[in-house]
Amino acid sequence: VVDYPSCLFSTLNLQIRIFNNRFVTYQQYTHNYNGGMHGYYTERLISYDHMHNQEIDFKYLFKPECERQLLEMVHHVAKSQPKYKEWEPDINHSLVMKDENENPTGELSFPQPGLSDEGVVFSFLPYEISCFAAGTFHFTIPYEKVKPFLTPRGKWCIGFDE
């Protein structure tokens, strides 16, 4: 029996990126390693409506009937990336919900949106779209483009009610 030394560690880093009178956005970075070639990390924005004590998720921001239009917007932003053609099928695959047997259900499932200075950010973690080495993908849709699809609370949060 050969006994290999093992190493296990986890890192969590939260940094405030935006704090205003309606919401706060944190950048969350985690890294875990429990042996093997490399660890695994996550990197995303988490936004929180501190006026109403509510996490800002997809349902908070967007009307339910606008998923297809938002998918087209994510594709439009993704197409500006240099290697889009290599991972285009993986975007579609990662946005479709699957049943317990990994069969597509036809329903869309977006990653948690985050609010940045420029717009709404959808972050795809390593392996969700491409290989680990490709890293995390962040697709930002400008606020003006998503405005027609926002719920009343989403419009308030972003400041379109003024």
N, C-alpha and C. Protein backbone atom coordinates (compact mmCIF):
# COMPACT_ATOMS: atom_id res chain seq x y z
N VAL A 1 0.85 -1.17 0.00
CA VAL A 1 0.00 0.00 0.00
C VAL A 1 0.90 1.24 0.00
N VAL A 2 0.65 2.09 -0.96
CA VAL A 2 1.38 3.35 -1.03
C VAL A 2 0.49 4.43 -0.43
N ASP A 3 1.03 5.16 0.50
CA ASP A 3 0.27 6.23 1.15
C ASP A 3 0.70 7.57 0.57
N TYR A 4 -0.24 8.25 -0.09
CA TYR A 4 0.04 9.55 -0.68
C TYR A 4 -0.39 10.65 0.28
N PRO A 5 0.41 11.68 0.40
CA PRO A 5 -0.02 12.79 1.24
C PRO A 5 -1.23 13.47 0.59
N SER A 6 -2.13 13.89 1.40
CA SER A 6 -3.31 14.57 0.85
C SER A 6 -3.35 16.00 1.36
N CYS A 7 -3.96 16.81 0.56
CA CYS A 7 -4.09 18.22 0.89
C CYS A 7 -5.53 18.63 0.61
N LEU A 8 -6.11 19.33 1.52
CA LEU A 8 -7.48 19.78 1.36
C LEU A 8 -7.54 21.23 1.84
N PHE A 9 -8.08 22.10 0.97
CA PHE A 9 -8.29 23.45 1.42
C PHE A 9 -9.44 24.10 0.67
N SER A 10 -10.03 25.08 1.30
CA SER A 10 -11.12 25.85 0.70
C SER A 10 -10.88 27.32 0.96
N THR A 11 -11.25 28.13 -0.02
CA THR A 11 -11.13 29.58 0.09
C THR A 11 -12.46 30.19 -0.28
N LEU A 12 -12.90 31.17 0.47
CA LEU A 12 -14.08 31.96 0.13
C LEU A 12 -13.69 33.42 0.24
N ASN A 13 -13.94 34.17 -0.83
CA ASN A 13 -13.61 35.59 -0.84
C ASN A 13 -14.84 36.35 -1.33
N LEU A 14 -15.35 37.26 -0.53
CA LEU A 14 -16.45 38.13 -0.91
C LEU A 14 -15.96 39.56 -0.91
N GLN A 15 -16.20 40.26 -2.01
CA GLN A 15 -15.83 41.67 -2.09
C GLN A 15 -17.02 42.47 -2.57
N ILE A 16 -17.29 43.58 -1.91
CA ILE A 16 -18.38 44.44 -2.35
C ILE A 16 -17.94 45.16 -3.62
N ARG A 17 -18.75 45.06 -4.66
CA ARG A 17 -18.49 45.73 -5.94
C ARG A 17 -19.36 46.96 -6.12
N ILE A 18 -20.61 46.88 -5.67
CA ILE A 18 -21.54 48.01 -5.76
C ILE A 18 -22.34 48.06 -4.45
N PHE A 19 -22.46 49.23 -3.90
CA PHE A 19 -23.34 49.44 -2.76
C PHE A 19 -24.03 50.77 -2.97
N ASN A 20 -25.35 50.72 -3.13
CA ASN A 20 -26.10 51.96 -3.28
C ASN A 20 -27.34 51.90 -2.41
N ASN A 21 -28.26 52.84 -2.58
CA ASN A 21 -29.42 52.90 -1.69
C ASN A 21 -30.47 51.83 -2.01
N ARG A 22 -30.26 51.01 -3.05
CA ARG A 22 -31.26 49.99 -3.41
C ARG A 22 -30.71 48.57 -3.32
N PHE A 23 -29.45 48.37 -3.71
CA PHE A 23 -28.90 47.02 -3.71
C PHE A 23 -27.41 47.04 -3.44
N VAL A 24 -26.91 45.85 -3.13
CA VAL A 24 -25.48 45.64 -2.97
C VAL A 24 -25.12 44.44 -3.84
N THR A 25 -23.96 44.51 -4.51
CA THR A 25 -23.46 43.39 -5.30
C THR A 25 -22.10 42.99 -4.76
N TYR A 26 -22.00 41.69 -4.47
CA TYR A 26 -20.74 41.10 -4.02
C TYR A 26 -20.15 40.30 -5.17
N GLN A 27 -18.84 40.30 -5.26
CA GLN A 27 -18.16 39.35 -6.12
C GLN A 27 -17.75 38.20 -5.23
N GLN A 28 -18.24 37.00 -5.53
CA GLN A 28 -17.93 35.81 -4.75
C GLN A 28 -16.93 34.96 -5.51
N TYR A 29 -15.87 34.59 -4.83
CA TYR A 29 -14.87 33.70 -5.40
C TYR A 29 -14.64 32.57 -4.40
N THR A 30 -14.77 31.34 -4.85
CA THR A 30 -14.45 30.19 -4.00
C THR A 30 -13.42 29.34 -4.73
N HIS A 31 -12.62 28.66 -3.96
CA HIS A 31 -11.66 27.72 -4.53
C HIS A 31 -11.55 26.55 -3.56
N ASN A 32 -11.68 25.34 -4.10
CA ASN A 32 -11.58 24.13 -3.31
C ASN A 32 -10.59 23.19 -3.96
N TYR A 33 -9.80 22.55 -3.13
CA TYR A 33 -8.85 21.56 -3.62
C TYR A 33 -8.84 20.39 -2.64
N ASN A 34 -9.05 19.19 -3.17
CA ASN A 34 -8.96 18.01 -2.31
C ASN A 34 -8.17 16.90 -2.98
N GLY A 35 -7.15 17.31 -3.71
CA GLY A 35 -6.29 16.36 -4.40
C GLY A 35 -6.57 16.36 -5.89
N GLY A 36 -5.71 15.72 -6.63
CA GLY A 36 -5.91 15.64 -8.07
C GLY A 36 -5.08 16.67 -8.81
N MET A 37 -5.41 16.87 -10.07
CA MET A 37 -4.63 17.76 -10.93
C MET A 37 -4.79 19.24 -10.53
N HIS A 38 -6.00 19.63 -10.28
CA HIS A 38 -6.24 21.03 -9.95
C HIS A 38 -7.48 21.11 -9.07
N GLY A 39 -7.63 22.22 -8.41
CA GLY A 39 -8.83 22.44 -7.62
C GLY A 39 -9.97 22.88 -8.52
N TYR A 40 -11.02 23.35 -7.90
CA TYR A 40 -12.18 23.85 -8.63
C TYR A 40 -12.56 25.19 -8.03
N TYR A 41 -12.88 26.15 -8.88
CA TYR A 41 -13.25 27.46 -8.37
C TYR A 41 -14.59 27.89 -8.94
N THR A 42 -15.22 28.81 -8.24
CA THR A 42 -16.42 29.48 -8.74
C THR A 42 -16.18 30.97 -8.66
N GLU A 43 -16.84 31.68 -9.53
CA GLU A 43 -16.65 33.13 -9.58
C GLU A 43 -17.96 33.71 -10.13
N ARG A 44 -18.65 34.51 -9.32
CA ARG A 44 -19.90 35.10 -9.78
C ARG A 44 -20.25 36.34 -8.97
N LEU A 45 -21.22 37.07 -9.47
CA LEU A 45 -21.74 38.22 -8.76
C LEU A 45 -23.03 37.82 -8.05
N ILE A 46 -23.18 38.27 -6.82
CA ILE A 46 -24.39 38.03 -6.03
C ILE A 46 -24.95 39.40 -5.67
N SER A 47 -26.20 39.65 -6.05
CA SER A 47 -26.81 40.94 -5.75
C SER A 47 -27.96 40.74 -4.77
N TYR A 48 -28.13 41.75 -3.89
CA TYR A 48 -29.09 41.65 -2.80
C TYR A 48 -29.80 42.99 -2.64
N ASP A 49 -31.12 42.95 -2.62
CA ASP A 49 -31.95 44.13 -2.38
C ASP A 49 -32.03 44.32 -0.87
N HIS A 50 -31.24 45.24 -0.33
CA HIS A 50 -31.21 45.41 1.12
C HIS A 50 -32.37 46.24 1.64
N MET A 51 -33.11 46.88 0.75
CA MET A 51 -34.31 47.62 1.17
C MET A 51 -35.46 46.66 1.49
N HIS A 52 -35.54 45.53 0.78
CA HIS A 52 -36.62 44.56 0.95
C HIS A 52 -36.12 43.22 1.47
N ASN A 53 -34.85 43.15 1.87
CA ASN A 53 -34.25 41.92 2.39
C ASN A 53 -34.50 40.73 1.47
N GLN A 54 -34.07 40.87 0.22
CA GLN A 54 -34.35 39.83 -0.77
C GLN A 54 -33.17 39.68 -1.72
N GLU A 55 -32.77 38.43 -1.98
CA GLU A 55 -31.76 38.18 -2.98
C GLU A 55 -32.33 38.51 -4.35
N ILE A 56 -31.53 39.10 -5.19
CA ILE A 56 -31.97 39.47 -6.54
C ILE A 56 -31.67 38.28 -7.45
N ASP A 57 -32.72 37.55 -7.79
CA ASP A 57 -32.57 36.40 -8.67
C ASP A 57 -33.31 36.66 -9.98
N PHE A 58 -33.39 35.64 -10.81
CA PHE A 58 -34.01 35.79 -12.13
C PHE A 58 -35.46 36.24 -12.01
N LYS A 59 -36.23 35.62 -11.11
CA LYS A 59 -37.64 35.97 -10.96
C LYS A 59 -37.83 37.37 -10.41
N TYR A 60 -36.91 37.81 -9.58
CA TYR A 60 -36.97 39.17 -9.05
C TYR A 60 -36.82 40.18 -10.19
N LEU A 61 -35.87 39.94 -11.08
CA LEU A 61 -35.54 40.90 -12.14
C LEU A 61 -36.44 40.83 -13.36
N PHE A 62 -36.76 39.61 -13.82
CA PHE A 62 -37.33 39.46 -15.15
C PHE A 62 -38.74 38.87 -15.14
N LYS A 63 -39.52 39.33 -16.12
CA LYS A 63 -40.84 38.76 -16.37
C LYS A 63 -40.65 37.33 -16.88
N PRO A 64 -41.53 36.41 -16.48
CA PRO A 64 -41.33 35.01 -16.87
C PRO A 64 -41.40 34.75 -18.37
N GLU A 65 -42.13 35.55 -19.11
CA GLU A 65 -42.31 35.30 -20.54
C GLU A 65 -41.15 35.80 -21.41
N CYS A 66 -40.10 36.32 -20.81
CA CYS A 66 -39.03 36.93 -21.60
C CYS A 66 -37.78 36.05 -21.72
N GLU A 67 -37.83 34.80 -21.30
CA GLU A 67 -36.64 33.95 -21.29
C GLU A 67 -36.01 33.79 -22.67
N ARG A 68 -36.81 33.58 -23.69
CA ARG A 68 -36.26 33.38 -25.04
C ARG A 68 -35.53 34.63 -25.54
N GLN A 69 -36.09 35.80 -25.27
CA GLN A 69 -35.43 37.04 -25.69
C GLN A 69 -34.11 37.23 -24.95
N LEU A 70 -34.09 36.88 -23.66
CA LEU A 70 -32.85 36.99 -22.90
C LEU A 70 -31.80 35.99 -23.39
N LEU A 71 -32.25 34.80 -23.77
CA LEU A 71 -31.33 33.82 -24.34
C LEU A 71 -30.69 34.37 -25.61
N GLU A 72 -31.47 35.02 -26.45
CA GLU A 72 -30.93 35.63 -27.66
C GLU A 72 -29.91 36.73 -27.32
N MET A 73 -30.18 37.48 -26.26
CA MET A 73 -29.23 38.52 -25.84
C MET A 73 -27.93 37.91 -25.34
N VAL A 74 -28.02 36.84 -24.57
CA VAL A 74 -26.81 36.16 -24.09
C VAL A 74 -26.01 35.66 -25.30
N HIS A 75 -26.68 35.08 -26.28
CA HIS A 75 -25.99 34.62 -27.49
C HIS A 75 -25.33 35.78 -28.22
N HIS A 76 -26.02 36.90 -28.30
CA HIS A 76 -25.45 38.06 -28.99
C HIS A 76 -24.16 38.52 -28.32
N VAL A 77 -24.17 38.58 -26.99
CA VAL A 77 -22.96 38.97 -26.26
C VAL A 77 -21.88 37.91 -26.43
N ALA A 78 -22.28 36.64 -26.36
CA ALA A 78 -21.30 35.54 -26.49
C ALA A 78 -20.63 35.54 -27.86
N LYS A 79 -21.38 35.91 -28.88
CA LYS A 79 -20.82 35.90 -30.25
C LYS A 79 -19.66 36.86 -30.42
N SER A 80 -19.54 37.82 -29.53
CA SER A 80 -18.43 38.77 -29.61
C SER A 80 -17.14 38.18 -29.04
N GLN A 81 -17.23 37.01 -28.42
CA GLN A 81 -16.06 36.36 -27.85
C GLN A 81 -15.25 35.67 -28.95
N PRO A 82 -13.92 35.66 -28.85
CA PRO A 82 -13.09 35.11 -29.93
C PRO A 82 -13.34 33.65 -30.28
N LYS A 83 -13.64 32.80 -29.31
CA LYS A 83 -13.78 31.37 -29.58
C LYS A 83 -15.23 30.90 -29.51
N TYR A 84 -16.14 31.78 -29.83
CA TYR A 84 -17.58 31.47 -29.71
C TYR A 84 -17.96 30.20 -30.44
N LYS A 85 -17.49 30.01 -31.67
CA LYS A 85 -17.90 28.85 -32.46
C LYS A 85 -17.52 27.52 -31.80
N GLU A 86 -16.46 27.53 -31.00
CA GLU A 86 -16.01 26.30 -30.33
C GLU A 86 -17.00 25.85 -29.26
N TRP A 87 -17.61 26.81 -28.53
CA TRP A 87 -18.46 26.42 -27.41
C TRP A 87 -19.91 26.86 -27.56
N GLU A 88 -20.31 27.29 -28.76
CA GLU A 88 -21.71 27.67 -28.97
C GLU A 88 -22.71 26.58 -28.57
N PRO A 89 -22.50 25.31 -28.95
CA PRO A 89 -23.48 24.28 -28.55
C PRO A 89 -23.56 24.11 -27.04
N ASP A 90 -22.46 24.36 -26.34
CA ASP A 90 -22.45 24.18 -24.89
C ASP A 90 -23.25 25.25 -24.16
N ILE A 91 -23.37 26.44 -24.74
CA ILE A 91 -24.22 27.47 -24.13
C ILE A 91 -25.66 26.98 -24.15
N ASN A 92 -26.11 26.53 -25.31
CA ASN A 92 -27.48 26.03 -25.41
C ASN A 92 -27.71 24.87 -24.45
N HIS A 93 -26.76 23.96 -24.38
CA HIS A 93 -26.88 22.79 -23.51
C HIS A 93 -26.96 23.19 -22.04
N SER A 94 -26.19 24.16 -21.62
CA SER A 94 -26.15 24.53 -20.20
C SER A 94 -27.35 25.37 -19.78
N LEU A 95 -28.08 25.95 -20.73
CA LEU A 95 -29.24 26.78 -20.39
C LEU A 95 -30.56 26.00 -20.39
N VAL A 96 -30.53 24.74 -20.76
CA VAL A 96 -31.76 23.95 -20.81
C VAL A 96 -31.82 23.02 -19.61
N MET A 97 -32.96 23.06 -18.91
CA MET A 97 -33.14 22.18 -17.75
C MET A 97 -33.22 20.73 -18.21
N LYS A 98 -32.76 19.83 -17.34
CA LYS A 98 -32.77 18.41 -17.65
C LYS A 98 -33.47 17.64 -16.54
N ASP A 99 -34.05 16.50 -16.91
CA ASP A 99 -34.69 15.66 -15.90
C ASP A 99 -33.64 14.79 -15.21
N GLU A 100 -34.09 13.88 -14.37
CA GLU A 100 -33.15 13.05 -13.60
C GLU A 100 -32.29 12.14 -14.48
N ASN A 101 -32.71 11.91 -15.73
CA ASN A 101 -31.93 11.10 -16.67
C ASN A 101 -31.11 11.95 -17.63
N GLU A 102 -30.98 13.24 -17.33
CA GLU A 102 -30.22 14.19 -18.15
C GLU A 102 -30.87 14.43 -19.52
N ASN A 103 -32.17 14.19 -19.64
CA ASN A 103 -32.90 14.50 -20.87
C ASN A 103 -33.41 15.93 -20.80
N PRO A 104 -33.27 16.72 -21.87
CA PRO A 104 -33.75 18.11 -21.85
C PRO A 104 -35.27 18.15 -21.65
N THR A 105 -35.71 19.08 -20.80
CA THR A 105 -37.15 19.23 -20.55
C THR A 105 -37.77 20.29 -21.46
N GLY A 106 -36.95 21.11 -22.09
CA GLY A 106 -37.47 22.20 -22.91
C GLY A 106 -37.54 23.51 -22.16
N GLU A 107 -37.41 23.47 -20.84
CA GLU A 107 -37.43 24.69 -20.04
C GLU A 107 -36.02 25.29 -19.98
N LEU A 108 -35.97 26.61 -19.95
CA LEU A 108 -34.68 27.28 -19.85
C LEU A 108 -34.31 27.47 -18.39
N SER A 109 -33.04 27.45 -18.11
CA SER A 109 -32.53 27.66 -16.76
C SER A 109 -31.30 28.54 -16.84
N PHE A 110 -31.46 29.79 -16.44
CA PHE A 110 -30.35 30.74 -16.50
C PHE A 110 -29.54 30.68 -15.21
N PRO A 111 -28.24 31.01 -15.30
CA PRO A 111 -27.47 31.16 -14.07
C PRO A 111 -27.97 32.38 -13.30
N GLN A 112 -27.66 32.42 -12.04
CA GLN A 112 -28.05 33.55 -11.20
C GLN A 112 -27.52 34.85 -11.79
N PRO A 113 -28.38 35.85 -12.02
CA PRO A 113 -27.89 37.12 -12.55
C PRO A 113 -27.22 37.95 -11.45
N GLY A 114 -26.29 38.76 -11.84
CA GLY A 114 -25.65 39.71 -10.93
C GLY A 114 -25.74 41.09 -11.54
N LEU A 115 -25.80 42.11 -10.71
CA LEU A 115 -25.88 43.48 -11.20
C LEU A 115 -24.51 44.13 -11.13
N SER A 116 -24.07 44.66 -12.26
CA SER A 116 -22.78 45.35 -12.32
C SER A 116 -23.03 46.81 -12.68
N ASP A 117 -21.96 47.58 -12.82
CA ASP A 117 -22.11 48.97 -13.26
C ASP A 117 -22.61 49.05 -14.69
N GLU A 118 -22.28 48.07 -15.51
CA GLU A 118 -22.60 48.10 -16.94
C GLU A 118 -23.93 47.45 -17.29
N GLY A 119 -24.38 46.47 -16.51
CA GLY A 119 -25.61 45.76 -16.84
C GLY A 119 -25.77 44.50 -16.02
N VAL A 120 -26.66 43.63 -16.49
CA VAL A 120 -26.92 42.35 -15.83
C VAL A 120 -25.90 41.34 -16.33
N VAL A 121 -25.25 40.65 -15.39
CA VAL A 121 -24.19 39.70 -15.72
C VAL A 121 -24.69 38.27 -15.46
N PHE A 122 -24.52 37.42 -16.48
CA PHE A 122 -24.76 35.99 -16.33
C PHE A 122 -23.40 35.31 -16.38
N SER A 123 -23.07 34.58 -15.31
CA SER A 123 -21.76 33.92 -15.22
C SER A 123 -21.92 32.42 -15.34
N PHE A 124 -21.11 31.82 -16.21
CA PHE A 124 -21.08 30.37 -16.39
C PHE A 124 -19.77 29.86 -15.83
N LEU A 125 -19.85 28.91 -14.93
CA LEU A 125 -18.68 28.40 -14.23
C LEU A 125 -17.87 27.46 -15.12
N PRO A 126 -16.64 27.16 -14.72
CA PRO A 126 -15.83 26.21 -15.50
C PRO A 126 -16.60 24.90 -15.71
N TYR A 127 -16.45 24.34 -16.85
CA TYR A 127 -17.10 23.12 -17.32
C TYR A 127 -18.55 23.33 -17.75
N GLU A 128 -19.20 24.42 -17.40
CA GLU A 128 -20.58 24.63 -17.82
C GLU A 128 -20.66 24.93 -19.32
N ILE A 129 -19.65 25.58 -19.85
CA ILE A 129 -19.64 25.91 -21.27
C ILE A 129 -18.46 25.26 -21.97
N SER A 130 -17.32 25.27 -21.35
CA SER A 130 -16.12 24.76 -22.01
C SER A 130 -15.25 24.06 -20.98
N CYS A 131 -14.04 23.76 -21.36
CA CYS A 131 -13.13 23.06 -20.47
C CYS A 131 -12.73 23.96 -19.29
N PHE A 132 -12.15 23.34 -18.28
CA PHE A 132 -11.73 24.07 -17.08
C PHE A 132 -10.76 25.19 -17.43
N ALA A 133 -9.84 24.92 -18.35
CA ALA A 133 -8.82 25.90 -18.72
C ALA A 133 -9.43 27.16 -19.35
N ALA A 134 -10.62 27.05 -19.92
CA ALA A 134 -11.27 28.23 -20.51
C ALA A 134 -11.78 29.19 -19.45
N GLY A 135 -11.95 28.69 -18.23
CA GLY A 135 -12.33 29.56 -17.13
C GLY A 135 -13.82 29.84 -17.05
N THR A 136 -14.14 30.88 -16.32
CA THR A 136 -15.52 31.33 -16.14
C THR A 136 -15.87 32.30 -17.25
N PHE A 137 -17.07 32.18 -17.75
CA PHE A 137 -17.57 33.10 -18.77
C PHE A 137 -18.55 34.06 -18.12
N HIS A 138 -18.36 35.36 -18.36
CA HIS A 138 -19.26 36.38 -17.85
C HIS A 138 -19.84 37.12 -19.06
N PHE A 139 -21.15 37.08 -19.20
CA PHE A 139 -21.81 37.78 -20.29
C PHE A 139 -22.67 38.90 -19.70
N THR A 140 -22.36 40.14 -20.08
CA THR A 140 -23.06 41.30 -19.55
C THR A 140 -24.00 41.87 -20.60
N ILE A 141 -25.26 42.00 -20.21
CA ILE A 141 -26.26 42.61 -21.07
C ILE A 141 -26.56 44.00 -20.50
N PRO A 142 -26.36 45.06 -21.30
CA PRO A 142 -26.59 46.42 -20.81
C PRO A 142 -28.02 46.62 -20.29
N TYR A 143 -28.14 47.44 -19.25
CA TYR A 143 -29.44 47.69 -18.63
C TYR A 143 -30.49 48.19 -19.62
N GLU A 144 -30.11 49.06 -20.52
CA GLU A 144 -31.07 49.60 -21.48
C GLU A 144 -31.68 48.49 -22.34
N LYS A 145 -30.91 47.45 -22.64
CA LYS A 145 -31.42 46.36 -23.48
C LYS A 145 -32.38 45.45 -22.72
N VAL A 146 -32.20 45.31 -21.41
CA VAL A 146 -33.10 44.43 -20.65
C VAL A 146 -34.31 45.17 -20.08
N LYS A 147 -34.31 46.47 -20.19
CA LYS A 147 -35.38 47.28 -19.59
C LYS A 147 -36.78 46.78 -19.91
N PRO A 148 -37.12 46.43 -21.17
CA PRO A 148 -38.49 45.99 -21.46
C PRO A 148 -38.87 44.67 -20.78
N PHE A 149 -37.90 43.92 -20.30
CA PHE A 149 -38.16 42.60 -19.74
C PHE A 149 -38.15 42.58 -18.21
N LEU A 150 -37.90 43.74 -17.61
CA LEU A 150 -37.79 43.82 -16.15
C LEU A 150 -39.17 43.84 -15.48
N THR A 151 -39.23 43.23 -14.31
CA THR A 151 -40.42 43.32 -13.48
C THR A 151 -40.47 44.73 -12.89
N PRO A 152 -41.60 45.16 -12.32
CA PRO A 152 -41.64 46.46 -11.65
C PRO A 152 -40.56 46.61 -10.56
N ARG A 153 -40.35 45.55 -9.78
CA ARG A 153 -39.32 45.62 -8.73
C ARG A 153 -37.94 45.69 -9.36
N GLY A 154 -37.71 44.95 -10.45
CA GLY A 154 -36.43 45.01 -11.16
C GLY A 154 -36.16 46.42 -11.68
N LYS A 155 -37.17 47.07 -12.24
CA LYS A 155 -37.02 48.46 -12.71
C LYS A 155 -36.69 49.38 -11.56
N TRP A 156 -37.37 49.19 -10.44
CA TRP A 156 -37.10 50.02 -9.27
C TRP A 156 -35.65 49.82 -8.81
N CYS A 157 -35.24 48.57 -8.71
CA CYS A 157 -33.90 48.26 -8.19
C CYS A 157 -32.81 48.88 -9.04
N ILE A 158 -32.96 48.80 -10.34
CA ILE A 158 -31.93 49.33 -11.24
C ILE A 158 -32.02 50.85 -11.37
N GLY A 159 -33.18 51.41 -11.04
CA GLY A 159 -33.33 52.86 -11.06
C GLY A 159 -34.09 53.39 -12.26
N PHE A 160 -34.84 52.53 -12.95
CA PHE A 160 -35.62 52.98 -14.09
C PHE A 160 -36.95 53.60 -13.68
N ASP A 161 -37.25 53.64 -12.40
CA ASP A 161 -38.53 54.20 -11.94
C ASP A 161 -38.45 55.71 -11.70
N GLU A 162 -37.27 56.27 -11.88
CA GLU A 162 -37.09 57.70 -11.58
C GLU A 162 -37.44 58.58 -12.75
